[in-house]
Amino acid sequence: METERLFRRGLDLLLAKDVDGFVDLFTPDCTVEFPFATAGAPRELHGREALREYLADYPQQVDIAEFPSVVVHRSTDPGLVIVEFTARGRTVRTGAPYEMRYVVVVTANEHGIVGYRDYWSPVMAAAAFGTLPEFLAAVGA
């Protein structure tokens, strides 16, 4: 499946709260990177099952209602896209509005997503989840 279609299918599955379906779009030996991760969050995951474990409680953390903006930048490599998108919904624990902008680099082959580099803001996530004081303490701020 084409990389952009795989990515868009993933967004549909996340809206449907189908985390297993989302993870199944990835190859068994995929690599998922979070270059901005800090405060004990993993910077890299290896393999589909590591991703499945990482996302296991995702629907209990955040209730995404929509992706109001999705801009796909195609490259000369058909297996690579760069996507800017916004997720909007609410934080389950606090009920507070959730809105996060992401930039992801997605690589795929005929077997699925092999690489996913996710640039997100850990500060905005901590604020949305109501854990900003703990986050700041963890990073020594």
N, C-alpha and C. Protein backbone atom coordinates (compact mmCIF):
# COMPACT_ATOMS: atom_id res chain seq x y z
N MET A 1 0.86 -1.18 0.00
CA MET A 1 0.00 0.00 0.00
C MET A 1 0.90 1.24 0.00
N GLU A 2 0.53 2.20 -0.75
CA GLU A 2 1.26 3.46 -0.84
C GLU A 2 1.41 4.10 0.55
N THR A 3 2.56 4.74 0.78
CA THR A 3 2.88 5.30 2.09
C THR A 3 1.83 6.30 2.58
N GLU A 4 1.41 7.21 1.72
CA GLU A 4 0.40 8.19 2.14
C GLU A 4 -0.90 7.51 2.52
N ARG A 5 -1.31 6.52 1.74
CA ARG A 5 -2.56 5.82 2.06
C ARG A 5 -2.44 5.06 3.38
N LEU A 6 -1.26 4.48 3.64
CA LEU A 6 -1.03 3.81 4.92
C LEU A 6 -1.18 4.80 6.08
N PHE A 7 -0.56 5.97 5.92
CA PHE A 7 -0.63 6.98 6.98
C PHE A 7 -2.08 7.41 7.21
N ARG A 8 -2.80 7.72 6.13
CA ARG A 8 -4.19 8.17 6.28
C ARG A 8 -5.07 7.07 6.87
N ARG A 9 -4.80 5.83 6.52
CA ARG A 9 -5.52 4.70 7.11
C ARG A 9 -5.26 4.66 8.62
N GLY A 10 -4.00 4.93 9.00
CA GLY A 10 -3.65 4.98 10.41
C GLY A 10 -4.45 6.03 11.17
N LEU A 11 -4.63 7.21 10.57
CA LEU A 11 -5.43 8.25 11.22
C LEU A 11 -6.87 7.79 11.41
N ASP A 12 -7.42 7.13 10.40
CA ASP A 12 -8.79 6.61 10.51
C ASP A 12 -8.90 5.60 11.65
N LEU A 13 -7.91 4.74 11.77
CA LEU A 13 -7.93 3.73 12.83
C LEU A 13 -7.80 4.38 14.21
N LEU A 14 -6.97 5.43 14.32
CA LEU A 14 -6.85 6.13 15.60
C LEU A 14 -8.16 6.81 15.98
N LEU A 15 -8.85 7.39 15.01
CA LEU A 15 -10.16 7.99 15.29
C LEU A 15 -11.17 6.94 15.76
N ALA A 16 -11.04 5.74 15.23
CA ALA A 16 -11.93 4.64 15.61
C ALA A 16 -11.49 3.96 16.92
N LYS A 17 -10.42 4.47 17.53
CA LYS A 17 -9.86 3.90 18.77
C LYS A 17 -9.37 2.47 18.56
N ASP A 18 -8.99 2.14 17.33
CA ASP A 18 -8.49 0.80 16.99
C ASP A 18 -6.96 0.82 17.00
N VAL A 19 -6.40 0.78 18.21
CA VAL A 19 -4.95 0.85 18.35
C VAL A 19 -4.29 -0.38 17.74
N ASP A 20 -4.88 -1.55 17.93
CA ASP A 20 -4.29 -2.76 17.34
C ASP A 20 -4.26 -2.66 15.81
N GLY A 21 -5.34 -2.17 15.22
CA GLY A 21 -5.36 -1.99 13.78
C GLY A 21 -4.30 -1.02 13.32
N PHE A 22 -4.12 0.07 14.06
CA PHE A 22 -3.08 1.05 13.75
C PHE A 22 -1.71 0.40 13.80
N VAL A 23 -1.43 -0.30 14.88
CA VAL A 23 -0.12 -0.93 15.04
C VAL A 23 0.11 -1.99 13.97
N ASP A 24 -0.93 -2.67 13.55
CA ASP A 24 -0.78 -3.71 12.53
C ASP A 24 -0.38 -3.14 11.17
N LEU A 25 -0.45 -1.82 10.98
CA LEU A 25 0.03 -1.20 9.74
C LEU A 25 1.57 -1.19 9.68
N PHE A 26 2.21 -1.42 10.82
CA PHE A 26 3.67 -1.39 10.91
C PHE A 26 4.25 -2.79 10.67
N THR A 27 5.46 -2.83 10.15
CA THR A 27 6.13 -4.11 9.95
C THR A 27 6.61 -4.65 11.30
N PRO A 28 6.80 -5.97 11.40
CA PRO A 28 7.26 -6.54 12.67
C PRO A 28 8.59 -5.96 13.17
N ASP A 29 9.44 -5.51 12.25
CA ASP A 29 10.76 -4.99 12.64
C ASP A 29 10.86 -3.47 12.50
N CYS A 30 9.75 -2.78 12.58
CA CYS A 30 9.73 -1.33 12.41
C CYS A 30 10.55 -0.60 13.48
N THR A 31 10.87 0.64 13.18
CA THR A 31 11.52 1.53 14.14
C THR A 31 10.65 2.78 14.26
N VAL A 32 10.32 3.15 15.50
CA VAL A 32 9.54 4.35 15.78
C VAL A 32 10.41 5.25 16.65
N GLU A 33 10.60 6.48 16.21
CA GLU A 33 11.47 7.41 16.92
C GLU A 33 10.68 8.63 17.40
N PHE A 34 11.09 9.12 18.56
CA PHE A 34 10.52 10.33 19.16
C PHE A 34 11.70 11.24 19.52
N PRO A 35 12.23 11.99 18.55
CA PRO A 35 13.45 12.78 18.80
C PRO A 35 13.34 13.79 19.93
N PHE A 36 12.15 14.28 20.24
CA PHE A 36 12.00 15.29 21.29
C PHE A 36 11.60 14.69 22.63
N ALA A 37 11.51 13.39 22.73
CA ALA A 37 11.12 12.75 23.99
C ALA A 37 12.13 13.07 25.08
N THR A 38 11.62 13.22 26.28
CA THR A 38 12.46 13.54 27.43
C THR A 38 11.76 13.06 28.69
N ALA A 39 12.37 13.27 29.82
CA ALA A 39 11.78 12.96 31.13
C ALA A 39 11.39 11.49 31.24
N GLY A 40 12.24 10.61 30.76
CA GLY A 40 11.99 9.18 30.90
C GLY A 40 11.16 8.54 29.81
N ALA A 41 10.62 9.33 28.90
CA ALA A 41 9.85 8.77 27.78
C ALA A 41 10.83 8.16 26.79
N PRO A 42 10.44 7.06 26.13
CA PRO A 42 11.37 6.42 25.19
C PRO A 42 11.63 7.31 23.97
N ARG A 43 12.86 7.31 23.53
CA ARG A 43 13.23 8.04 22.31
C ARG A 43 13.12 7.15 21.08
N GLU A 44 13.11 5.84 21.28
CA GLU A 44 13.06 4.93 20.15
C GLU A 44 12.43 3.61 20.57
N LEU A 45 11.60 3.07 19.68
CA LEU A 45 10.99 1.76 19.89
C LEU A 45 11.40 0.88 18.72
N HIS A 46 11.67 -0.38 19.01
CA HIS A 46 12.05 -1.32 17.96
C HIS A 46 11.03 -2.45 17.91
N GLY A 47 10.36 -2.57 16.78
CA GLY A 47 9.43 -3.66 16.57
C GLY A 47 7.98 -3.30 16.84
N ARG A 48 7.12 -3.97 16.11
CA ARG A 48 5.68 -3.75 16.20
C ARG A 48 5.14 -3.99 17.61
N GLU A 49 5.62 -5.03 18.27
CA GLU A 49 5.09 -5.34 19.59
C GLU A 49 5.51 -4.31 20.63
N ALA A 50 6.69 -3.72 20.48
CA ALA A 50 7.10 -2.63 21.38
C ALA A 50 6.17 -1.43 21.19
N LEU A 51 5.80 -1.15 19.94
CA LEU A 51 4.87 -0.06 19.66
C LEU A 51 3.50 -0.37 20.24
N ARG A 52 3.06 -1.62 20.10
CA ARG A 52 1.75 -2.02 20.64
C ARG A 52 1.73 -1.80 22.17
N GLU A 53 2.80 -2.19 22.84
CA GLU A 53 2.88 -2.00 24.29
C GLU A 53 2.88 -0.51 24.64
N TYR A 54 3.63 0.28 23.89
CA TYR A 54 3.72 1.72 24.13
C TYR A 54 2.35 2.39 24.01
N LEU A 55 1.54 1.95 23.05
CA LEU A 55 0.24 2.57 22.78
C LEU A 55 -0.93 1.87 23.47
N ALA A 56 -0.67 0.89 24.29
CA ALA A 56 -1.73 0.06 24.87
C ALA A 56 -2.83 0.87 25.55
N ASP A 57 -2.47 1.91 26.28
CA ASP A 57 -3.49 2.69 26.99
C ASP A 57 -3.79 4.03 26.33
N TYR A 58 -3.42 4.17 25.08
CA TYR A 58 -3.64 5.41 24.35
C TYR A 58 -5.10 5.89 24.42
N PRO A 59 -6.08 5.02 24.16
CA PRO A 59 -7.48 5.49 24.22
C PRO A 59 -7.93 5.93 25.61
N GLN A 60 -7.24 5.46 26.65
CA GLN A 60 -7.57 5.88 28.00
C GLN A 60 -6.87 7.19 28.38
N GLN A 61 -5.95 7.64 27.53
CA GLN A 61 -5.20 8.87 27.77
C GLN A 61 -5.79 10.06 27.03
N VAL A 62 -6.06 9.85 25.75
CA VAL A 62 -6.53 10.95 24.92
C VAL A 62 -7.64 10.46 23.99
N ASP A 63 -8.67 11.28 23.87
CA ASP A 63 -9.81 10.97 23.01
C ASP A 63 -9.74 11.91 21.82
N ILE A 64 -9.15 11.44 20.74
CA ILE A 64 -9.02 12.25 19.53
C ILE A 64 -10.35 12.24 18.80
N ALA A 65 -10.86 13.43 18.51
CA ALA A 65 -12.14 13.56 17.82
C ALA A 65 -11.96 13.87 16.34
N GLU A 66 -10.81 14.49 16.01
CA GLU A 66 -10.61 14.86 14.60
C GLU A 66 -9.14 15.19 14.35
N PHE A 67 -8.80 15.12 13.09
CA PHE A 67 -7.53 15.60 12.58
C PHE A 67 -7.87 16.71 11.59
N PRO A 68 -8.05 17.94 12.09
CA PRO A 68 -8.58 19.01 11.24
C PRO A 68 -7.62 19.49 10.16
N SER A 69 -6.36 19.21 10.32
CA SER A 69 -5.39 19.64 9.32
C SER A 69 -4.41 18.50 9.07
N VAL A 70 -4.31 18.08 7.82
CA VAL A 70 -3.34 17.05 7.42
C VAL A 70 -2.73 17.51 6.10
N VAL A 71 -1.43 17.79 6.14
CA VAL A 71 -0.72 18.21 4.94
C VAL A 71 0.39 17.20 4.68
N VAL A 72 0.30 16.54 3.53
CA VAL A 72 1.27 15.51 3.17
C VAL A 72 2.25 16.09 2.16
N HIS A 73 3.53 15.95 2.47
CA HIS A 73 4.60 16.36 1.56
C HIS A 73 5.21 15.10 0.97
N ARG A 74 5.01 14.92 -0.32
CA ARG A 74 5.56 13.75 -1.00
C ARG A 74 7.02 14.02 -1.36
N SER A 75 7.79 12.97 -1.39
CA SER A 75 9.21 13.10 -1.76
C SER A 75 9.44 12.38 -3.09
N THR A 76 10.65 12.44 -3.56
CA THR A 76 10.98 11.71 -4.79
C THR A 76 11.05 10.21 -4.54
N ASP A 77 11.12 9.82 -3.27
CA ASP A 77 11.09 8.41 -2.88
C ASP A 77 9.64 8.05 -2.59
N PRO A 78 9.02 7.17 -3.36
CA PRO A 78 7.61 6.83 -3.13
C PRO A 78 7.35 6.16 -1.78
N GLY A 79 8.39 5.69 -1.12
CA GLY A 79 8.23 5.06 0.17
C GLY A 79 8.36 6.02 1.34
N LEU A 80 8.47 7.33 1.05
CA LEU A 80 8.71 8.32 2.10
C LEU A 80 7.76 9.50 1.95
N VAL A 81 7.09 9.86 3.04
CA VAL A 81 6.29 11.08 3.09
C VAL A 81 6.60 11.80 4.40
N ILE A 82 6.44 13.10 4.37
CA ILE A 82 6.53 13.94 5.56
C ILE A 82 5.15 14.55 5.74
N VAL A 83 4.60 14.43 6.94
CA VAL A 83 3.23 14.87 7.17
C VAL A 83 3.19 15.84 8.34
N GLU A 84 2.51 16.96 8.13
CA GLU A 84 2.20 17.91 9.20
C GLU A 84 0.71 17.73 9.48
N PHE A 85 0.39 17.48 10.75
CA PHE A 85 -1.03 17.32 11.06
C PHE A 85 -1.32 17.78 12.48
N THR A 86 -2.59 18.03 12.71
CA THR A 86 -3.08 18.46 14.01
C THR A 86 -4.09 17.45 14.51
N ALA A 87 -3.96 17.07 15.77
CA ALA A 87 -4.93 16.20 16.43
C ALA A 87 -5.70 17.05 17.42
N ARG A 88 -7.01 16.87 17.43
CA ARG A 88 -7.86 17.64 18.34
C ARG A 88 -8.84 16.70 19.03
N GLY A 89 -9.03 16.93 20.32
CA GLY A 89 -9.96 16.12 21.09
C GLY A 89 -9.94 16.57 22.53
N ARG A 90 -9.88 15.58 23.45
CA ARG A 90 -9.83 15.92 24.87
C ARG A 90 -8.93 14.93 25.60
N THR A 91 -8.39 15.39 26.69
CA THR A 91 -7.59 14.54 27.56
C THR A 91 -8.55 13.79 28.47
N VAL A 92 -8.49 12.49 28.48
CA VAL A 92 -9.45 11.68 29.22
C VAL A 92 -9.35 11.96 30.73
N ARG A 93 -8.15 12.00 31.27
CA ARG A 93 -7.98 12.16 32.73
C ARG A 93 -8.57 13.46 33.26
N THR A 94 -8.35 14.55 32.51
CA THR A 94 -8.78 15.86 33.01
C THR A 94 -10.03 16.38 32.31
N GLY A 95 -10.34 15.84 31.14
CA GLY A 95 -11.44 16.37 30.35
C GLY A 95 -11.07 17.64 29.61
N ALA A 96 -9.84 18.09 29.78
CA ALA A 96 -9.37 19.32 29.14
C ALA A 96 -9.23 19.14 27.64
N PRO A 97 -9.41 20.22 26.89
CA PRO A 97 -9.21 20.14 25.44
C PRO A 97 -7.77 19.69 25.12
N TYR A 98 -7.65 18.94 24.06
CA TYR A 98 -6.34 18.46 23.60
C TYR A 98 -6.18 18.91 22.16
N GLU A 99 -5.08 19.59 21.90
CA GLU A 99 -4.75 19.93 20.51
C GLU A 99 -3.23 19.90 20.41
N MET A 100 -2.75 19.08 19.49
CA MET A 100 -1.31 18.93 19.31
C MET A 100 -1.00 18.93 17.83
N ARG A 101 0.05 19.67 17.50
CA ARG A 101 0.54 19.67 16.12
C ARG A 101 1.74 18.73 16.05
N TYR A 102 1.78 17.96 14.99
CA TYR A 102 2.83 16.97 14.79
C TYR A 102 3.48 17.16 13.43
N VAL A 103 4.70 16.72 13.35
CA VAL A 103 5.38 16.53 12.07
C VAL A 103 5.95 15.12 12.13
N VAL A 104 5.61 14.28 11.17
CA VAL A 104 6.11 12.91 11.15
C VAL A 104 6.76 12.60 9.81
N VAL A 105 7.77 11.78 9.88
CA VAL A 105 8.45 11.27 8.69
C VAL A 105 8.12 9.78 8.65
N VAL A 106 7.44 9.36 7.58
CA VAL A 106 6.96 7.99 7.48
C VAL A 106 7.62 7.31 6.29
N THR A 107 8.20 6.14 6.55
CA THR A 107 8.75 5.32 5.47
C THR A 107 8.03 3.98 5.47
N ALA A 108 7.77 3.48 4.28
CA ALA A 108 7.03 2.22 4.16
C ALA A 108 7.54 1.44 2.96
N ASN A 109 7.23 0.16 2.99
CA ASN A 109 7.48 -0.70 1.84
C ASN A 109 6.22 -1.53 1.60
N GLU A 110 6.32 -2.56 0.78
CA GLU A 110 5.13 -3.34 0.44
C GLU A 110 4.56 -4.11 1.63
N HIS A 111 5.29 -4.18 2.73
CA HIS A 111 4.83 -4.91 3.91
C HIS A 111 4.23 -4.02 4.98
N GLY A 112 4.40 -2.70 4.86
CA GLY A 112 3.84 -1.78 5.85
C GLY A 112 4.80 -0.67 6.21
N ILE A 113 4.51 0.00 7.31
CA ILE A 113 5.34 1.12 7.77
C ILE A 113 6.59 0.54 8.43
N VAL A 114 7.75 0.95 7.94
CA VAL A 114 9.02 0.45 8.49
C VAL A 114 9.68 1.48 9.40
N GLY A 115 9.37 2.75 9.19
CA GLY A 115 9.95 3.81 10.01
C GLY A 115 8.95 4.92 10.24
N TYR A 116 8.95 5.44 11.46
CA TYR A 116 8.01 6.51 11.83
C TYR A 116 8.75 7.41 12.81
N ARG A 117 9.10 8.59 12.36
CA ARG A 117 9.79 9.56 13.22
C ARG A 117 8.80 10.65 13.55
N ASP A 118 8.48 10.77 14.84
CA ASP A 118 7.38 11.60 15.33
C ASP A 118 7.93 12.78 16.12
N TYR A 119 7.79 13.98 15.54
CA TYR A 119 8.23 15.21 16.21
C TYR A 119 7.03 15.87 16.87
N TRP A 120 6.95 15.77 18.19
CA TRP A 120 5.85 16.33 18.96
C TRP A 120 6.44 17.06 20.16
N SER A 121 5.64 17.86 20.81
CA SER A 121 6.12 18.66 21.93
C SER A 121 5.80 17.99 23.27
N PRO A 122 6.81 17.51 23.99
CA PRO A 122 6.54 16.92 25.29
C PRO A 122 6.00 17.94 26.30
N VAL A 123 6.35 19.21 26.14
CA VAL A 123 5.84 20.24 27.04
C VAL A 123 4.33 20.42 26.83
N MET A 124 3.92 20.50 25.56
CA MET A 124 2.48 20.65 25.27
C MET A 124 1.71 19.41 25.73
N ALA A 125 2.31 18.23 25.56
CA ALA A 125 1.63 17.01 26.00
C ALA A 125 1.46 17.02 27.52
N ALA A 126 2.50 17.38 28.25
CA ALA A 126 2.42 17.43 29.72
C ALA A 126 1.37 18.44 30.16
N ALA A 127 1.31 19.58 29.50
CA ALA A 127 0.30 20.58 29.83
C ALA A 127 -1.10 20.03 29.57
N ALA A 128 -1.28 19.36 28.45
CA ALA A 128 -2.60 18.81 28.10
C ALA A 128 -3.03 17.72 29.07
N PHE A 129 -2.09 16.91 29.53
CA PHE A 129 -2.42 15.80 30.42
C PHE A 129 -2.46 16.21 31.89
N GLY A 130 -2.20 17.48 32.16
CA GLY A 130 -2.23 17.95 33.54
C GLY A 130 -1.04 17.51 34.37
N THR A 131 0.07 17.20 33.70
CA THR A 131 1.27 16.72 34.42
C THR A 131 2.47 17.64 34.20
N LEU A 132 2.21 18.90 33.89
CA LEU A 132 3.32 19.83 33.62
C LEU A 132 4.24 19.99 34.82
N PRO A 133 3.75 20.14 36.06
CA PRO A 133 4.68 20.26 37.19
C PRO A 133 5.62 19.06 37.32
N GLU A 134 5.06 17.85 37.17
CA GLU A 134 5.88 16.65 37.25
C GLU A 134 6.90 16.60 36.11
N PHE A 135 6.46 17.00 34.91
CA PHE A 135 7.37 17.02 33.77
C PHE A 135 8.51 17.98 34.01
N LEU A 136 8.20 19.17 34.48
CA LEU A 136 9.24 20.18 34.72
C LEU A 136 10.21 19.70 35.80
N ALA A 137 9.71 19.04 36.81
CA ALA A 137 10.59 18.50 37.85
C ALA A 137 11.51 17.42 37.27
N ALA A 138 10.96 16.60 36.38
CA ALA A 138 11.75 15.51 35.79
C ALA A 138 12.87 16.02 34.91
N VAL A 139 12.66 17.18 34.27
CA VAL A 139 13.71 17.74 33.40
C VAL A 139 14.56 18.76 34.14
N GLY A 140 14.29 18.93 35.42
CA GLY A 140 15.11 19.84 36.24
C GLY A 140 14.84 21.30 36.02
N ALA A 141 13.64 21.64 35.59
CA ALA A 141 13.29 23.05 35.36
C ALA A 141 12.68 23.67 36.58
